[in-house]
Amino acid sequence: GVLAAVGPGVDAQGLLTAGIDTIARFGQAFNDNRYFHITWLV
């Protein structure tokens, strides 16, 4: 996810933003499918 944002003009701040956005997408995916993950509580 971070390397996908690498391109011309991307600096360290851009990479940090890409990393945060990637982790946020993980959280969003987990939240959108939280009812599915309830089964793992078994």
PDB file of all heavy atoms in Angstrom:
ATOM      1  N   GLY A   1       0.808  -1.221   0.000  1.00  0.00           N
ATOM      2  CA  GLY A   1       0.000   0.000   0.000  1.00  0.00           C
ATOM      3  C   GLY A   1       0.837   1.265   0.000  1.00  0.00           C
ATOM      4  O   GLY A   1       0.508   2.244  -0.678  1.00  0.00           O
ATOM      5  N   VAL A   2       1.941   1.249   0.744  1.00  0.00           N
ATOM      6  CA  VAL A   2       2.809   2.428   0.798  1.00  0.00           C
ATOM      7  C   VAL A   2       3.549   2.610  -0.520  1.00  0.00           C
ATOM      8  O   VAL A   2       3.633   3.723  -1.058  1.00  0.00           O
ATOM      9  CB  VAL A   2       3.808   2.297   1.967  1.00  0.00           C
ATOM     10  CG1 VAL A   2       4.841   3.435   1.928  1.00  0.00           C
ATOM     11  CG2 VAL A   2       3.078   2.309   3.299  1.00  0.00           C
ATOM     12  N   LEU A   3       4.076   1.505  -1.061  1.00  0.00           N
ATOM     13  CA  LEU A   3       4.843   1.602  -2.308  1.00  0.00           C
ATOM     14  C   LEU A   3       3.969   1.980  -3.495  1.00  0.00           C
ATOM     15  O   LEU A   3       4.466   2.513  -4.494  1.00  0.00           O
ATOM     16  CB  LEU A   3       5.545   0.268  -2.588  1.00  0.00           C
ATOM     17  CG  LEU A   3       6.654  -0.103  -1.597  1.00  0.00           C
ATOM     18  CD1 LEU A   3       7.184  -1.497  -1.901  1.00  0.00           C
ATOM     19  CD2 LEU A   3       7.792   0.915  -1.645  1.00  0.00           C
ATOM     20  N   ALA A   4       2.667   1.704  -3.390  1.00  0.00           N
ATOM     21  CA  ALA A   4       1.772   2.089  -4.476  1.00  0.00           C
ATOM     22  C   ALA A   4       1.670   3.602  -4.608  1.00  0.00           C
ATOM     23  O   ALA A   4       1.292   4.119  -5.667  1.00  0.00           O
ATOM     24  CB  ALA A   4       0.380   1.499  -4.246  1.00  0.00           C
ATOM     25  N   ALA A   5       2.001   4.333  -3.521  1.00  0.00           N
ATOM     26  CA  ALA A   5       1.932   5.795  -3.559  1.00  0.00           C
ATOM     27  C   ALA A   5       3.236   6.430  -4.003  1.00  0.00           C
ATOM     28  O   ALA A   5       3.311   7.653  -4.138  1.00  0.00           O
ATOM     29  CB  ALA A   5       1.548   6.332  -2.173  1.00  0.00           C
ATOM     30  N   VAL A   6       4.271   5.611  -4.196  1.00  0.00           N
ATOM     31  CA  VAL A   6       5.568   6.150  -4.598  1.00  0.00           C
ATOM     32  C   VAL A   6       5.494   6.628  -6.043  1.00  0.00           C
ATOM     33  O   VAL A   6       5.023   5.922  -6.933  1.00  0.00           O
ATOM     34  CB  VAL A   6       6.672   5.098  -4.431  1.00  0.00           C
ATOM     35  CG1 VAL A   6       7.994   5.610  -4.980  1.00  0.00           C
ATOM     36  CG2 VAL A   6       6.821   4.734  -2.963  1.00  0.00           C
ATOM     37  N   GLY A   7       5.958   7.823  -6.280  1.00  0.00           N
ATOM     38  CA  GLY A   7       5.949   8.389  -7.624  1.00  0.00           C
ATOM     39  C   GLY A   7       6.707   9.684  -7.642  1.00  0.00           C
ATOM     40  O   GLY A   7       7.302  10.112  -6.637  1.00  0.00           O
ATOM     41  N   PRO A   8       6.707  10.357  -8.786  1.00  0.00           N
ATOM     42  CA  PRO A   8       7.426  11.641  -8.878  1.00  0.00           C
ATOM     43  C   PRO A   8       6.872  12.652  -7.876  1.00  0.00           C
ATOM     44  O   PRO A   8       5.666  12.851  -7.766  1.00  0.00           O
ATOM     45  CB  PRO A   8       7.153  12.092 -10.316  1.00  0.00           C
ATOM     46  CG  PRO A   8       6.818  10.828 -11.055  1.00  0.00           C
ATOM     47  CD  PRO A   8       6.119   9.957 -10.060  1.00  0.00           C
ATOM     48  N   GLY A   9       7.744  13.286  -7.135  1.00  0.00           N
ATOM     49  CA  GLY A   9       7.342  14.331  -6.209  1.00  0.00           C
ATOM     50  C   GLY A   9       6.861  13.845  -4.861  1.00  0.00           C
ATOM     51  O   GLY A   9       6.439  14.655  -4.032  1.00  0.00           O
ATOM     52  N   VAL A  10       6.903  12.556  -4.598  1.00  0.00           N
ATOM     53  CA  VAL A  10       6.457  12.019  -3.312  1.00  0.00           C
ATOM     54  C   VAL A  10       7.605  12.114  -2.308  1.00  0.00           C
ATOM     55  O   VAL A  10       8.694  11.584  -2.546  1.00  0.00           O
ATOM     56  CB  VAL A  10       5.982  10.556  -3.450  1.00  0.00           C
ATOM     57  CG1 VAL A  10       5.599  10.001  -2.092  1.00  0.00           C
ATOM     58  CG2 VAL A  10       4.807  10.482  -4.402  1.00  0.00           C
ATOM     59  N   ASP A  11       7.367  12.770  -1.194  1.00  0.00           N
ATOM     60  CA  ASP A  11       8.393  12.930  -0.175  1.00  0.00           C
ATOM     61  C   ASP A  11       8.085  12.043   1.020  1.00  0.00           C
ATOM     62  O   ASP A  11       7.178  11.189   0.986  1.00  0.00           O
ATOM     63  CB  ASP A  11       8.496  14.398   0.255  1.00  0.00           C
ATOM     64  CG  ASP A  11       7.143  14.963   0.700  1.00  0.00           C
ATOM     65  OD1 ASP A  11       6.173  14.170   0.784  1.00  0.00           O
ATOM     66  OD2 ASP A  11       7.053  16.171   0.962  1.00  0.00           O
ATOM     67  N   ALA A  12       8.832  12.237   2.107  1.00  0.00           N
ATOM     68  CA  ALA A  12       8.642  11.423   3.304  1.00  0.00           C
ATOM     69  C   ALA A  12       7.256  11.618   3.903  1.00  0.00           C
ATOM     70  O   ALA A  12       6.642  10.671   4.400  1.00  0.00           O
ATOM     71  CB  ALA A  12       9.718  11.765   4.332  1.00  0.00           C
ATOM     72  N   GLN A  13       6.766  12.859   3.849  1.00  0.00           N
ATOM     73  CA  GLN A  13       5.435  13.120   4.374  1.00  0.00           C
ATOM     74  C   GLN A  13       4.378  12.371   3.571  1.00  0.00           C
ATOM     75  O   GLN A  13       3.405  11.844   4.122  1.00  0.00           O
ATOM     76  CB  GLN A  13       5.147  14.626   4.328  1.00  0.00           C
ATOM     77  CG  GLN A  13       3.793  15.028   4.908  1.00  0.00           C
ATOM     78  CD  GLN A  13       3.693  14.721   6.387  1.00  0.00           C
ATOM     79  OE1 GLN A  13       4.701  14.773   7.105  1.00  0.00           O
ATOM     80  NE2 GLN A  13       2.489  14.405   6.854  1.00  0.00           N
ATOM     81  N   GLY A  14       4.586  12.285   2.254  1.00  0.00           N
ATOM     82  CA  GLY A  14       3.647  11.551   1.410  1.00  0.00           C
ATOM     83  C   GLY A  14       3.650  10.066   1.720  1.00  0.00           C
ATOM     84  O   GLY A  14       2.599   9.416   1.726  1.00  0.00           O
ATOM     85  N   LEU A  15       4.842   9.507   1.977  1.00  0.00           N
ATOM     86  CA  LEU A  15       4.926   8.093   2.336  1.00  0.00           C
ATOM     87  C   LEU A  15       4.248   7.830   3.675  1.00  0.00           C
ATOM     88  O   LEU A  15       3.577   6.809   3.853  1.00  0.00           O
ATOM     89  CB  LEU A  15       6.387   7.657   2.392  1.00  0.00           C
ATOM     90  CG  LEU A  15       7.139   7.613   1.049  1.00  0.00           C
ATOM     91  CD1 LEU A  15       8.593   7.237   1.270  1.00  0.00           C
ATOM     92  CD2 LEU A  15       6.468   6.622   0.090  1.00  0.00           C
ATOM     93  N   LEU A  16       4.426   8.767   4.628  1.00  0.00           N
ATOM     94  CA  LEU A  16       3.779   8.604   5.917  1.00  0.00           C
ATOM     95  C   LEU A  16       2.266   8.648   5.774  1.00  0.00           C
ATOM     96  O   LEU A  16       1.545   7.837   6.390  1.00  0.00           O
ATOM     97  CB  LEU A  16       4.250   9.706   6.879  1.00  0.00           C
ATOM     98  CG  LEU A  16       3.627   9.701   8.276  1.00  0.00           C
ATOM     99  CD1 LEU A  16       3.956   8.389   8.988  1.00  0.00           C
ATOM    100  CD2 LEU A  16       4.121  10.887   9.089  1.00  0.00           C
ATOM    101  N   THR A  17       1.793   9.556   4.949  1.00  0.00           N
ATOM    102  CA  THR A  17       0.353   9.647   4.715  1.00  0.00           C
ATOM    103  C   THR A  17      -0.176   8.373   4.059  1.00  0.00           C
ATOM    104  O   THR A  17      -1.258   7.878   4.408  1.00  0.00           O
ATOM    105  CB  THR A  17       0.040  10.861   3.829  1.00  0.00           C
ATOM    106  OG1 THR A  17       0.539  12.048   4.448  1.00  0.00           O
ATOM    107  CG2 THR A  17      -1.458  10.996   3.591  1.00  0.00           C
ATOM    108  N   ALA A  18       0.598   7.812   3.111  1.00  0.00           N
ATOM    109  CA  ALA A  18       0.193   6.574   2.444  1.00  0.00           C
ATOM    110  C   ALA A  18       0.130   5.415   3.430  1.00  0.00           C
ATOM    111  O   ALA A  18      -0.765   4.570   3.375  1.00  0.00           O
ATOM    112  CB  ALA A  18       1.161   6.249   1.307  1.00  0.00           C
ATOM    113  N   GLY A  19       1.104   5.381   4.359  1.00  0.00           N
ATOM    114  CA  GLY A  19       1.093   4.318   5.359  1.00  0.00           C
ATOM    115  C   GLY A  19      -0.108   4.410   6.273  1.00  0.00           C
ATOM    116  O   GLY A  19      -0.760   3.397   6.577  1.00  0.00           O
ATOM    117  N   ILE A  20      -0.415   5.631   6.728  1.00  0.00           N
ATOM    118  CA  ILE A  20      -1.580   5.821   7.595  1.00  0.00           C
ATOM    119  C   ILE A  20      -2.865   5.455   6.860  1.00  0.00           C
ATOM    120  O   ILE A  20      -3.762   4.822   7.424  1.00  0.00           O
ATOM    121  CB  ILE A  20      -1.626   7.279   8.103  1.00  0.00           C
ATOM    122  CG1 ILE A  20      -0.407   7.564   8.990  1.00  0.00           C
ATOM    123  CG2 ILE A  20      -2.926   7.541   8.864  1.00  0.00           C
ATOM    124  CD1 ILE A  20      -0.307   9.002   9.440  1.00  0.00           C
ATOM    125  N   ASP A  21      -2.943   5.839   5.580  1.00  0.00           N
ATOM    126  CA  ASP A  21      -4.143   5.533   4.791  1.00  0.00           C
ATOM    127  C   ASP A  21      -4.303   4.024   4.602  1.00  0.00           C
ATOM    128  O   ASP A  21      -5.419   3.491   4.652  1.00  0.00           O
ATOM    129  CB  ASP A  21      -4.049   6.219   3.432  1.00  0.00           C
ATOM    130  CG  ASP A  21      -5.286   5.982   2.582  1.00  0.00           C
ATOM    131  OD1 ASP A  21      -6.379   6.442   2.968  1.00  0.00           O
ATOM    132  OD2 ASP A  21      -5.162   5.305   1.532  1.00  0.00           O
ATOM    133  N   THR A  22      -3.181   3.320   4.422  1.00  0.00           N
ATOM    134  CA  THR A  22      -3.245   1.862   4.245  1.00  0.00           C
ATOM    135  C   THR A  22      -3.758   1.191   5.515  1.00  0.00           C
ATOM    136  O   THR A  22      -4.636   0.311   5.462  1.00  0.00           O
ATOM    137  CB  THR A  22      -1.856   1.308   3.889  1.00  0.00           C
ATOM    138  OG1 THR A  22      -1.395   1.922   2.690  1.00  0.00           O
ATOM    139  CG2 THR A  22      -1.910  -0.204   3.710  1.00  0.00           C
ATOM    140  N   ILE A  23      -3.229   1.609   6.665  1.00  0.00           N
ATOM    141  CA  ILE A  23      -3.688   1.039   7.929  1.00  0.00           C
ATOM    142  C   ILE A  23      -5.155   1.378   8.176  1.00  0.00           C
ATOM    143  O   ILE A  23      -5.932   0.557   8.688  1.00  0.00           O
ATOM    144  CB  ILE A  23      -2.803   1.546   9.086  1.00  0.00           C
ATOM    145  CG1 ILE A  23      -1.361   1.051   8.891  1.00  0.00           C
ATOM    146  CG2 ILE A  23      -3.347   1.066  10.430  1.00  0.00           C
ATOM    147  CD1 ILE A  23      -0.389   1.591   9.910  1.00  0.00           C
ATOM    148  N   ALA A  24      -5.559   2.597   7.787  1.00  0.00           N
ATOM    149  CA  ALA A  24      -6.958   2.995   7.947  1.00  0.00           C
ATOM    150  C   ALA A  24      -7.880   2.113   7.113  1.00  0.00           C
ATOM    151  O   ALA A  24      -9.001   1.787   7.529  1.00  0.00           O
ATOM    152  CB  ALA A  24      -7.129   4.458   7.568  1.00  0.00           C
ATOM    153  N   ARG A  25      -7.413   1.732   5.936  1.00  0.00           N
ATOM    154  CA  ARG A  25      -8.231   0.851   5.087  1.00  0.00           C
ATOM    155  C   ARG A  25      -8.395  -0.529   5.708  1.00  0.00           C
ATOM    156  O   ARG A  25      -9.431  -1.176   5.556  1.00  0.00           O
ATOM    157  CB  ARG A  25      -7.608   0.747   3.690  1.00  0.00           C
ATOM    158  CG  ARG A  25      -7.717   2.034   2.882  1.00  0.00           C
ATOM    159  CD  ARG A  25      -7.103   1.881   1.505  1.00  0.00           C
ATOM    160  NE  ARG A  25      -7.210   3.120   0.748  1.00  0.00           N
ATOM    161  CZ  ARG A  25      -8.253   3.445  -0.011  1.00  0.00           C
ATOM    162  NH1 ARG A  25      -9.290   2.616  -0.099  1.00  0.00           N
ATOM    163  NH2 ARG A  25      -8.265   4.588  -0.673  1.00  0.00           N
ATOM    164  N   PHE A  26      -7.336  -0.996   6.405  1.00  0.00           N
ATOM    165  CA  PHE A  26      -7.473  -2.257   7.144  1.00  0.00           C
ATOM    166  C   PHE A  26      -8.582  -2.143   8.190  1.00  0.00           C
ATOM    167  O   PHE A  26      -9.435  -3.032   8.319  1.00  0.00           O
ATOM    168  CB  PHE A  26      -6.150  -2.613   7.841  1.00  0.00           C
ATOM    169  CG  PHE A  26      -5.190  -3.368   6.989  1.00  0.00           C
ATOM    170  CD1 PHE A  26      -4.083  -2.743   6.447  1.00  0.00           C
ATOM    171  CD2 PHE A  26      -5.377  -4.707   6.727  1.00  0.00           C
ATOM    172  CE1 PHE A  26      -3.189  -3.430   5.661  1.00  0.00           C
ATOM    173  CE2 PHE A  26      -4.488  -5.417   5.938  1.00  0.00           C
ATOM    174  CZ  PHE A  26      -3.379  -4.775   5.401  1.00  0.00           C
ATOM    175  N   GLY A  27      -8.549  -1.052   8.946  1.00  0.00           N
ATOM    176  CA  GLY A  27      -9.577  -0.850   9.964  1.00  0.00           C
ATOM    177  C   GLY A  27     -10.968  -0.728   9.369  1.00  0.00           C
ATOM    178  O   GLY A  27     -11.940  -1.269   9.919  1.00  0.00           O
ATOM    179  N   GLN A  28     -11.075  -0.038   8.226  1.00  0.00           N
ATOM    180  CA  GLN A  28     -12.378   0.114   7.581  1.00  0.00           C
ATOM    181  C   GLN A  28     -12.909  -1.233   7.104  1.00  0.00           C
ATOM    182  O   GLN A  28     -14.093  -1.542   7.254  1.00  0.00           O
ATOM    183  CB  GLN A  28     -12.277   1.083   6.416  1.00  0.00           C
ATOM    184  CG  GLN A  28     -13.604   1.319   5.693  1.00  0.00           C
ATOM    185  CD  GLN A  28     -13.461   2.266   4.513  1.00  0.00           C
ATOM    186  OE1 GLN A  28     -12.367   2.785   4.265  1.00  0.00           O
ATOM    187  NE2 GLN A  28     -14.546   2.493   3.791  1.00  0.00           N
ATOM    188  N   ALA A  29     -12.021  -2.043   6.514  1.00  0.00           N
ATOM    189  CA  ALA A  29     -12.443  -3.359   6.036  1.00  0.00           C
ATOM    190  C   ALA A  29     -12.904  -4.243   7.190  1.00  0.00           C
ATOM    191  O   ALA A  29     -13.897  -4.971   7.087  1.00  0.00           O
ATOM    192  CB  ALA A  29     -11.297  -4.031   5.274  1.00  0.00           C
ATOM    193  N   PHE A  30     -12.162  -4.173   8.312  1.00  0.00           N
ATOM    194  CA  PHE A  30     -12.563  -4.962   9.473  1.00  0.00           C
ATOM    195  C   PHE A  30     -13.913  -4.493  10.013  1.00  0.00           C
ATOM    196  O   PHE A  30     -14.776  -5.298  10.376  1.00  0.00           O
ATOM    197  CB  PHE A  30     -11.499  -4.854  10.570  1.00  0.00           C
ATOM    198  CG  PHE A  30     -11.814  -5.635  11.809  1.00  0.00           C
ATOM    199  CD1 PHE A  30     -11.498  -6.978  11.897  1.00  0.00           C
ATOM    200  CD2 PHE A  30     -12.440  -5.037  12.889  1.00  0.00           C
ATOM    201  CE1 PHE A  30     -11.788  -7.707  13.033  1.00  0.00           C
ATOM    202  CE2 PHE A  30     -12.744  -5.760  14.030  1.00  0.00           C
ATOM    203  CZ  PHE A  30     -12.413  -7.096  14.102  1.00  0.00           C
ATOM    204  N   ASN A  31     -14.109  -3.175  10.056  1.00  0.00           N
ATOM    205  CA  ASN A  31     -15.358  -2.630  10.573  1.00  0.00           C
ATOM    206  C   ASN A  31     -16.540  -2.965   9.661  1.00  0.00           C
ATOM    207  O   ASN A  31     -17.638  -3.286  10.140  1.00  0.00           O
ATOM    208  CB  ASN A  31     -15.234  -1.117  10.734  1.00  0.00           C
ATOM    209  CG  ASN A  31     -16.471  -0.502  11.371  1.00  0.00           C
ATOM    210  OD1 ASN A  31     -16.772  -0.759  12.531  1.00  0.00           O
ATOM    211  ND2 ASN A  31     -17.197   0.312  10.614  1.00  0.00           N
ATOM    212  N   ASP A  32     -16.308  -2.929   8.342  1.00  0.00           N
ATOM    213  CA  ASP A  32     -17.389  -3.228   7.398  1.00  0.00           C
ATOM    214  C   ASP A  32     -17.803  -4.692   7.457  1.00  0.00           C
ATOM    215  O   ASP A  32     -18.939  -5.037   7.128  1.00  0.00           O
ATOM    216  CB  ASP A  32     -16.965  -2.878   5.968  1.00  0.00           C
ATOM    217  CG  ASP A  32     -16.808  -1.377   5.775  1.00  0.00           C
ATOM    218  OD1 ASP A  32     -17.337  -0.621   6.606  1.00  0.00           O
ATOM    219  OD2 ASP A  32     -16.134  -0.974   4.804  1.00  0.00           O
ATOM    220  N   ASN A  33     -16.871  -5.571   7.864  1.00  0.00           N
ATOM    221  CA  ASN A  33     -17.160  -7.010   7.917  1.00  0.00           C
ATOM    222  C   ASN A  33     -17.114  -7.530   9.346  1.00  0.00           C
ATOM    223  O   ASN A  33     -16.776  -8.696   9.572  1.00  0.00           O
ATOM    224  CB  ASN A  33     -16.149  -7.777   7.050  1.00  0.00           C
ATOM    225  CG  ASN A  33     -16.191  -7.359   5.601  1.00  0.00           C
ATOM    226  OD1 ASN A  33     -17.016  -7.815   4.829  1.00  0.00           O
ATOM    227  ND2 ASN A  33     -15.282  -6.461   5.213  1.00  0.00           N
ATOM    228  N   ARG A  34     -17.437  -6.689  10.313  1.00  0.00           N
ATOM    229  CA  ARG A  34     -17.307  -7.071  11.725  1.00  0.00           C
ATOM    230  C   ARG A  34     -18.229  -8.220  12.100  1.00  0.00           C
ATOM    231  O   ARG A  34     -17.893  -9.029  12.967  1.00  0.00           O
ATOM    232  CB  ARG A  34     -17.580  -5.874  12.622  1.00  0.00           C
ATOM    233  CG  ARG A  34     -18.944  -5.239  12.449  1.00  0.00           C
ATOM    234  CD  ARG A  34     -19.026  -3.951  13.269  1.00  0.00           C
ATOM    235  NE  ARG A  34     -20.325  -3.291  13.179  1.00  0.00           N
ATOM    236  CZ  ARG A  34     -20.676  -2.498  12.191  1.00  0.00           C
ATOM    237  NH1 ARG A  34     -19.819  -2.243  11.210  1.00  0.00           N
ATOM    238  NH2 ARG A  34     -21.871  -1.935  12.167  1.00  0.00           N
ATOM    239  N   TYR A  35     -19.384  -8.333  11.450  1.00  0.00           N
ATOM    240  CA  TYR A  35     -20.304  -9.416  11.791  1.00  0.00           C
ATOM    241  C   TYR A  35     -19.729 -10.765  11.369  1.00  0.00           C
ATOM    242  O   TYR A  35     -19.972 -11.782  12.017  1.00  0.00           O
ATOM    243  CB  TYR A  35     -21.654  -9.190  11.120  1.00  0.00           C
ATOM    244  CG  TYR A  35     -22.331  -7.926  11.578  1.00  0.00           C
ATOM    245  CD1 TYR A  35     -22.464  -6.839  10.720  1.00  0.00           C
ATOM    246  CD2 TYR A  35     -22.808  -7.796  12.877  1.00  0.00           C
ATOM    247  CE1 TYR A  35     -23.066  -5.660  11.142  1.00  0.00           C
ATOM    248  CE2 TYR A  35     -23.410  -6.622  13.312  1.00  0.00           C
ATOM    249  CZ  TYR A  35     -23.536  -5.558  12.438  1.00  0.00           C
ATOM    250  OH  TYR A  35     -24.113  -4.401  12.860  1.00  0.00           O
ATOM    251  N   PHE A  36     -18.946 -10.773  10.297  1.00  0.00           N
ATOM    252  CA  PHE A  36     -18.296 -12.014   9.867  1.00  0.00           C
ATOM    253  C   PHE A  36     -17.249 -12.457  10.881  1.00  0.00           C
ATOM    254  O   PHE A  36     -17.095 -13.643  11.159  1.00  0.00           O
ATOM    255  CB  PHE A  36     -17.659 -11.823   8.493  1.00  0.00           C
ATOM    256  CG  PHE A  36     -16.804 -12.980   8.051  1.00  0.00           C
ATOM    257  CD1 PHE A  36     -17.380 -14.137   7.574  1.00  0.00           C
ATOM    258  CD2 PHE A  36     -15.423 -12.895   8.136  1.00  0.00           C
ATOM    259  CE1 PHE A  36     -16.588 -15.207   7.178  1.00  0.00           C
ATOM    260  CE2 PHE A  36     -14.629 -13.951   7.739  1.00  0.00           C
ATOM    261  CZ  PHE A  36     -15.215 -15.114   7.260  1.00  0.00           C
ATOM    262  N   HIS A  37     -16.528 -11.488  11.455  1.00  0.00           N
ATOM    263  CA  HIS A  37     -15.435 -11.823  12.372  1.00  0.00           C
ATOM    264  C   HIS A  37     -15.936 -12.283  13.729  1.00  0.00           C
ATOM    265  O   HIS A  37     -15.134 -12.774  14.538  1.00  0.00           O
ATOM    266  CB  HIS A  37     -14.512 -10.614  12.546  1.00  0.00           C
ATOM    267  CG  HIS A  37     -13.827 -10.202  11.280  1.00  0.00           C
ATOM    268  ND1 HIS A  37     -12.879 -10.970  10.662  1.00  0.00           N
ATOM    269  CD2 HIS A  37     -13.980  -9.098  10.497  1.00  0.00           C
ATOM    270  CE1 HIS A  37     -12.451 -10.366   9.570  1.00  0.00           C
ATOM    271  NE2 HIS A  37     -13.113  -9.231   9.443  1.00  0.00           N
ATOM    272  N   ILE A  38     -17.224 -12.115  13.998  1.00  0.00           N
ATOM    273  CA  ILE A  38     -17.759 -12.577  15.278  1.00  0.00           C
ATOM    274  C   ILE A  38     -17.577 -14.083  15.437  1.00  0.00           C
ATOM    275  O   ILE A  38     -17.380 -14.589  16.548  1.00  0.00           O
ATOM    276  CB  ILE A  38     -19.256 -12.198  15.390  1.00  0.00           C
ATOM    277  CG1 ILE A  38     -19.381 -10.674  15.570  1.00  0.00           C
ATOM    278  CG2 ILE A  38     -19.935 -12.909  16.553  1.00  0.00           C
ATOM    279  CD1 ILE A  38     -20.806 -10.181  15.619  1.00  0.00           C
ATOM    280  N   THR A  39     -17.615 -14.808  14.303  1.00  0.00           N
ATOM    281  CA  THR A  39     -17.470 -16.266  14.369  1.00  0.00           C
ATOM    282  C   THR A  39     -16.133 -16.684  14.972  1.00  0.00           C
ATOM    283  O   THR A  39     -16.031 -17.751  15.580  1.00  0.00           O
ATOM    284  CB  THR A  39     -17.617 -16.878  12.970  1.00  0.00           C
ATOM    285  OG1 THR A  39     -16.628 -16.298  12.091  1.00  0.00           O
ATOM    286  CG2 THR A  39     -19.003 -16.582  12.395  1.00  0.00           C
ATOM    287  N   TRP A  40     -15.090 -15.840  14.801  1.00  0.00           N
ATOM    288  CA  TRP A  40     -13.784 -16.198  15.346  1.00  0.00           C
ATOM    289  C   TRP A  40     -13.757 -16.127  16.862  1.00  0.00           C
ATOM    290  O   TRP A  40     -12.840 -16.673  17.496  1.00  0.00           O
ATOM    291  CB  TRP A  40     -12.709 -15.280  14.761  1.00  0.00           C
ATOM    292  CG  TRP A  40     -12.502 -15.496  13.301  1.00  0.00           C
ATOM    293  CD1 TRP A  40     -12.945 -14.705  12.279  1.00  0.00           C
ATOM    294  CD2 TRP A  40     -11.811 -16.588  12.674  1.00  0.00           C
ATOM    295  NE1 TRP A  40     -12.581 -15.232  11.070  1.00  0.00           N
ATOM    296  CE2 TRP A  40     -11.880 -16.387  11.272  1.00  0.00           C
ATOM    297  CE3 TRP A  40     -11.149 -17.715  13.155  1.00  0.00           C
ATOM    298  CZ2 TRP A  40     -11.317 -17.263  10.360  1.00  0.00           C
ATOM    299  CZ3 TRP A  40     -10.580 -18.587  12.236  1.00  0.00           C
ATOM    300  CH2 TRP A  40     -10.668 -18.359  10.868  1.00  0.00           C
ATOM    301  N   LEU A  41     -14.737 -15.446  17.459  1.00  0.00           N
ATOM    302  CA  LEU A  41     -14.802 -15.389  18.916  1.00  0.00           C
ATOM    303  C   LEU A  41     -15.135 -16.747  19.518  1.00  0.00           C
ATOM    304  O   LEU A  41     -14.938 -16.965  20.718  1.00  0.00           O
ATOM    305  CB  LEU A  41     -15.850 -14.357  19.353  1.00  0.00           C
ATOM    306  CG  LEU A  41     -15.559 -12.895  18.982  1.00  0.00           C
ATOM    307  CD1 LEU A  41     -16.722 -12.007  19.416  1.00  0.00           C
ATOM    308  CD2 LEU A  41     -14.266 -12.426  19.629  1.00  0.00           C
ATOM    309  N   VAL A  42     -15.647 -17.660  18.676  1.00  0.00           N
ATOM    310  CA  VAL A  42     -15.987 -18.990  19.174  1.00  0.00           C
ATOM    311  C   VAL A  42     -14.741 -19.717  19.662  1.00  0.00           C
ATOM    312  O   VAL A  42     -14.780 -20.445  20.671  1.00  0.00           O
ATOM    313  CB  VAL A  42     -16.692 -19.796  18.067  1.00  0.00           C
ATOM    314  CG1 VAL A  42     -16.927 -21.238  18.511  1.00  0.00           C
ATOM    315  CG2 VAL A  42     -18.014 -19.146  17.692  1.00  0.00           C
TER     316      VAL A  42
END
